[in-house]
Protein backbone atom coordinates (compact mmCIF):
# COMPACT_ATOMS: atom_id res chain seq x y z
CA UNK A 1 0.00 0.00 0.00
CA UNK A 2 1.22 3.50 -0.82
CA UNK A 3 1.64 6.26 1.73
CA UNK A 4 1.49 9.87 0.53
CA UNK A 5 3.19 12.60 2.57
CA UNK A 6 2.62 16.32 1.86
CA UNK A 7 5.78 18.47 1.82
CA UNK A 8 4.42 21.99 2.20
CA UNK A 9 6.77 24.82 1.26
CA UNK A 10 4.30 27.47 2.37
CA UNK A 11 1.78 29.94 1.01
CA UNK A 12 2.77 32.58 -1.55
CA UNK A 13 1.27 35.26 -3.72
CA UNK A 14 2.26 35.59 -7.36
CA UNK A 15 1.81 38.92 -9.11
CA UNK A 16 2.09 39.92 -12.76
CA UNK A 17 5.86 40.11 -12.21
CA UNK A 18 5.86 36.31 -11.62
CA UNK A 19 7.65 36.69 -8.26
CA UNK A 20 6.68 34.32 -5.46
CA UNK A 21 6.25 36.34 -2.27
CA UNK A 22 5.73 34.51 1.06
CA UNK A 23 2.27 35.13 2.47
CA UNK A 24 1.38 34.75 6.16
CA UNK A 25 -2.36 34.11 6.21
CA UNK A 26 -2.63 35.37 9.80
CA UNK A 27 -0.67 38.61 9.33
CA UNK A 28 -0.76 39.59 5.64
CA UNK A 29 -3.67 41.07 3.70
CA UNK A 30 -4.25 39.85 0.15
CA UNK A 31 -5.62 43.26 -0.90
CA UNK A 32 -2.23 44.78 0.00
CA UNK A 33 -0.55 42.70 -2.72
CA UNK A 34 -0.50 43.85 -6.33
CA UNK A 35 -3.85 43.74 -8.11
CA UNK A 36 -4.53 40.37 -9.68
CA UNK A 37 -2.10 38.48 -7.41
CA UNK A 38 -2.80 34.77 -7.03
CA UNK A 39 -2.67 33.04 -3.67
CA UNK A 40 -1.07 29.57 -3.91
CA UNK A 41 0.26 26.90 -1.59
CA UNK A 42 3.36 25.09 -2.79
CA UNK A 43 3.04 21.44 -1.86
CA UNK A 44 5.11 18.66 -3.41
CA UNK A 45 4.33 15.12 -2.26
CA UNK A 46 6.50 12.21 -1.13
CA UNK A 47 5.09 8.79 -2.03
CA UNK A 48 6.24 5.61 -0.30
CA UNK A 49 5.42 2.69 -2.59
CA UNK A 50 7.12 -0.64 -1.87
CA UNK A 51 10.85 -0.13 -2.33
CA UNK A 52 10.31 3.14 -4.18
CA UNK A 53 10.43 6.62 -2.69
CA UNK A 54 8.82 8.90 -5.26
CA UNK A 55 8.78 12.67 -5.22
CA UNK A 56 5.89 14.36 -7.04
CA UNK A 57 7.18 17.79 -8.06
CA UNK A 58 10.20 19.54 -6.52
CA UNK A 59 8.70 22.81 -5.35
CA UNK A 60 10.19 26.27 -5.79
CA UNK A 61 13.82 25.43 -5.11
CA UNK A 62 14.04 28.00 -2.31
CA UNK A 63 16.65 27.56 0.41
CA UNK A 64 15.74 27.84 4.09
CA UNK A 65 17.52 29.93 6.73
CA UNK A 66 20.36 27.39 7.02
CA UNK A 67 21.01 27.48 3.26
CA UNK A 68 19.66 24.04 2.36
CA UNK A 69 16.83 23.47 -0.07
CA UNK A 70 13.47 23.56 1.68
CA UNK A 71 12.43 20.39 -0.17
CA UNK A 72 15.51 18.60 1.24
CA UNK A 73 14.60 19.70 4.78
CA UNK A 74 10.99 18.60 4.29
CA UNK A 75 12.17 15.15 3.13
CA UNK A 76 14.48 14.89 6.17
CA UNK A 77 11.55 15.84 8.41
CA UNK A 78 9.82 12.69 7.07
CA UNK A 79 12.80 10.52 8.08
CA UNK A 80 14.51 10.25 4.70
CA UNK A 81 17.52 11.73 2.94
CA UNK A 82 17.32 13.38 -0.50
CA UNK A 83 19.56 10.57 -1.79
CA UNK A 84 16.81 8.08 -0.84
CA UNK A 85 14.52 9.41 -3.59
CA UNK A 86 14.30 6.82 -6.38
CA UNK A 87 12.02 8.69 -8.80
CA UNK A 88 11.04 12.31 -9.39
CA UNK A 89 7.75 12.86 -11.24
CA UNK A 90 7.28 16.38 -12.60
CA UNK A 91 3.72 17.31 -13.48
CA UNK A 92 4.99 20.21 -15.59
CA UNK A 93 7.93 22.62 -15.71
CA UNK A 94 6.55 25.76 -14.06
CA UNK A 95 8.82 27.16 -11.35
CA UNK A 96 6.51 26.18 -8.49
CA UNK A 97 6.60 22.54 -9.59
CA UNK A 98 10.15 22.13 -10.94
CA UNK A 99 12.23 24.87 -9.29
CA UNK A 100 13.90 22.36 -6.97
CA UNK A 101 15.23 20.07 -9.72
CA UNK A 102 18.76 21.43 -9.27
CA UNK A 103 20.69 23.77 -6.99
CA UNK A 104 23.99 25.65 -7.07
CA UNK A 105 26.72 24.18 -4.89
CA UNK A 106 29.25 26.28 -2.93
CA UNK A 107 31.30 26.75 -6.11
CA UNK A 108 28.26 27.96 -8.05
CA UNK A 109 27.99 24.78 -10.12
CA UNK A 110 24.52 23.33 -10.78
CA UNK A 111 23.94 19.98 -9.11
CA UNK A 112 20.92 17.68 -9.34
CA UNK A 113 18.86 17.89 -6.16
CA UNK A 114 18.14 14.16 -6.26
CA UNK A 115 21.19 12.55 -7.88
CA UNK A 116 20.10 8.94 -7.31
CA UNK A 117 16.64 9.41 -8.84
CA UNK A 118 15.26 8.84 -12.30
CA UNK A 119 13.36 11.91 -13.49
CA UNK A 120 10.06 11.70 -15.36
CA UNK A 121 8.37 14.69 -16.97
CA UNK A 122 4.76 14.51 -18.09
CA UNK A 123 4.01 15.80 -21.54
Foldseek 3Di string as FASTA:
>chain_A
DKDKAKQWPAKFKADPVRDTHHDDPVPDDPVVDDPPIDIDIQIWMWMDDPQATEIEFQAQQDADPVGHGSSQVSQVVVVDGLQSHAEYEFAAPDNGGHNNQWDQDPVGDIDGSHVNYDYHYDD
